[in-house]
Amino acid sequence: MQAEPRILVDGPPAFSSIHHIAIPCRDLDEGIRFYRDVLGGEQKVQESAFALFELGGILIGISTEGTTRMAPE
């Protein structure tokens, strides 16, 4: 079996778009107010621990469950 040739890349990748991102959230109500009321995102979904917004053509999901955050220390 022959190895695939390596492609050398100079610098970070260039993205043409981003479909969605997921962000941990410490308080769902606070997160909803921020993404909807402050940033002007269109709220698409709200569940007990998850909300989804569209902002600038990107879907942004926030959740208080099943996520990790950096500890203060």
C-alpha atoms as a PDB file:
ATOM      1  CA  MET A   1       0.000   0.000   0.000  1.00  0.00           C
ATOM      2  CA  GLN A   2       1.362   3.386  -0.972  1.00  0.00           C
ATOM      3  CA  ALA A   3       1.197   6.331   1.461  1.00  0.00           C
ATOM      4  CA  GLU A   4      -0.770   9.399   0.439  1.00  0.00           C
ATOM      5  CA  PRO A   5       1.450  12.351  -0.477  1.00  0.00           C
ATOM      6  CA  ARG A   6       1.608  15.046   2.190  1.00  0.00           C
ATOM      7  CA  ILE A   7       0.152  18.445   1.447  1.00  0.00           C
ATOM      8  CA  LEU A   8       2.087  21.295   3.047  1.00  0.00           C
ATOM      9  CA  VAL A   9      -0.028  24.142   4.357  1.00  0.00           C
ATOM     10  CA  ASP A  10       1.380  27.536   5.165  1.00  0.00           C
ATOM     11  CA  GLY A  11      -0.678  29.229   7.883  1.00  0.00           C
ATOM     12  CA  PRO A  12      -4.149  28.575   9.288  1.00  0.00           C
ATOM     13  CA  PRO A  13      -6.961  27.199   7.125  1.00  0.00           C
ATOM     14  CA  ALA A  14      -9.108  29.699   5.236  1.00  0.00           C
ATOM     15  CA  PHE A  15     -12.815  29.248   5.933  1.00  0.00           C
ATOM     16  CA  SER A  16     -15.464  30.390   3.497  1.00  0.00           C
ATOM     17  CA  SER A  17     -18.311  29.890   5.992  1.00  0.00           C
ATOM     18  CA  ILE A  18     -19.299  28.382   9.334  1.00  0.00           C
ATOM     19  CA  HIS A  19     -22.545  26.415   9.635  1.00  0.00           C
ATOM     20  CA  HIS A  20     -22.910  26.200  13.427  1.00  0.00           C
ATOM     21  CA  ILE A  21     -21.133  26.428  16.745  1.00  0.00           C
ATOM     22  CA  ALA A  22     -22.021  25.095  20.198  1.00  0.00           C
ATOM     23  CA  ILE A  23     -21.209  27.101  23.302  1.00  0.00           C
ATOM     24  CA  PRO A  24     -21.482  26.035  26.956  1.00  0.00           C
ATOM     25  CA  CYS A  25     -23.690  28.341  28.980  1.00  0.00           C
ATOM     26  CA  ARG A  26     -23.785  28.729  32.784  1.00  0.00           C
ATOM     27  CA  ASP A  27     -27.330  30.181  32.846  1.00  0.00           C
ATOM     28  CA  LEU A  28     -29.738  29.549  29.961  1.00  0.00           C
ATOM     29  CA  ASP A  29     -31.994  32.565  30.608  1.00  0.00           C
ATOM     30  CA  GLU A  30     -28.971  34.869  30.734  1.00  0.00           C
ATOM     31  CA  GLY A  31     -27.604  33.325  27.534  1.00  0.00           C
ATOM     32  CA  ILE A  32     -30.944  33.748  25.752  1.00  0.00           C
ATOM     33  CA  ARG A  33     -31.118  37.413  26.724  1.00  0.00           C
ATOM     34  CA  PHE A  34     -27.571  37.954  25.474  1.00  0.00           C
ATOM     35  CA  TYR A  35     -27.852  36.225  22.086  1.00  0.00           C
ATOM     36  CA  ARG A  36     -31.427  37.391  21.406  1.00  0.00           C
ATOM     37  CA  ASP A  37     -31.711  40.839  23.025  1.00  0.00           C
ATOM     38  CA  VAL A  38     -28.125  42.123  22.987  1.00  0.00           C
ATOM     39  CA  LEU A  39     -26.745  40.589  19.778  1.00  0.00           C
ATOM     40  CA  GLY A  40     -30.080  40.478  17.932  1.00  0.00           C
ATOM     41  CA  GLY A  41     -30.053  36.774  17.093  1.00  0.00           C
ATOM     42  CA  GLU A  42     -33.241  35.106  15.873  1.00  0.00           C
ATOM     43  CA  GLN A  43     -34.219  32.424  18.365  1.00  0.00           C
ATOM     44  CA  LYS A  44     -35.044  29.166  16.556  1.00  0.00           C
ATOM     45  CA  VAL A  45     -35.354  26.627  19.400  1.00  0.00           C
ATOM     46  CA  GLN A  46     -35.724  26.621  23.172  1.00  0.00           C
ATOM     47  CA  GLU A  47     -35.731  23.519  25.338  1.00  0.00           C
ATOM     48  CA  SER A  48     -35.122  23.028  29.053  1.00  0.00           C
ATOM     49  CA  ALA A  49     -31.313  23.165  28.765  1.00  0.00           C
ATOM     50  CA  PHE A  50     -30.710  24.276  25.163  1.00  0.00           C
ATOM     51  CA  ALA A  51     -31.440  27.227  22.879  1.00  0.00           C
ATOM     52  CA  LEU A  52     -30.555  27.807  19.236  1.00  0.00           C
ATOM     53  CA  PHE A  53     -30.122  31.151  17.478  1.00  0.00           C
ATOM     54  CA  GLU A  54     -29.328  32.321  13.980  1.00  0.00           C
ATOM     55  CA  LEU A  55     -26.967  35.251  13.929  1.00  0.00           C
ATOM     56  CA  GLY A  56     -25.253  36.505  10.796  1.00  0.00           C
ATOM     57  CA  GLY A  57     -26.089  33.308   8.926  1.00  0.00           C
ATOM     58  CA  ILE A  58     -24.488  31.116  11.621  1.00  0.00           C
ATOM     59  CA  LEU A  59     -26.437  28.821  13.937  1.00  0.00           C
ATOM     60  CA  ILE A  60     -25.344  29.255  17.555  1.00  0.00           C
ATOM     61  CA  GLY A  61     -26.393  26.662  20.103  1.00  0.00           C
ATOM     62  CA  ILE A  62     -26.080  27.280  23.830  1.00  0.00           C
ATOM     63  CA  SER A  63     -26.569  24.619  26.489  1.00  0.00           C
ATOM     64  CA  THR A  64     -26.249  24.195  30.230  1.00  0.00           C
ATOM     65  CA  GLU A  65     -26.049  20.383  30.122  1.00  0.00           C
ATOM     66  CA  GLY A  66     -23.508  18.043  28.576  1.00  0.00           C
ATOM     67  CA  THR A  67     -20.900  20.789  28.319  1.00  0.00           C
ATOM     68  CA  THR A  68     -17.615  21.602  30.006  1.00  0.00           C
ATOM     69  CA  ARG A  69     -16.120  24.880  31.098  1.00  0.00           C
ATOM     70  CA  MET A  70     -12.666  25.868  32.260  1.00  0.00           C
ATOM     71  CA  ALA A  71     -12.434  26.015  36.028  1.00  0.00           C
ATOM     72  CA  PRO A  72     -11.374  29.378  37.541  1.00  0.00           C
ATOM     73  CA  GLU A  73      -8.134  27.912  38.835  1.00  0.00           C
END
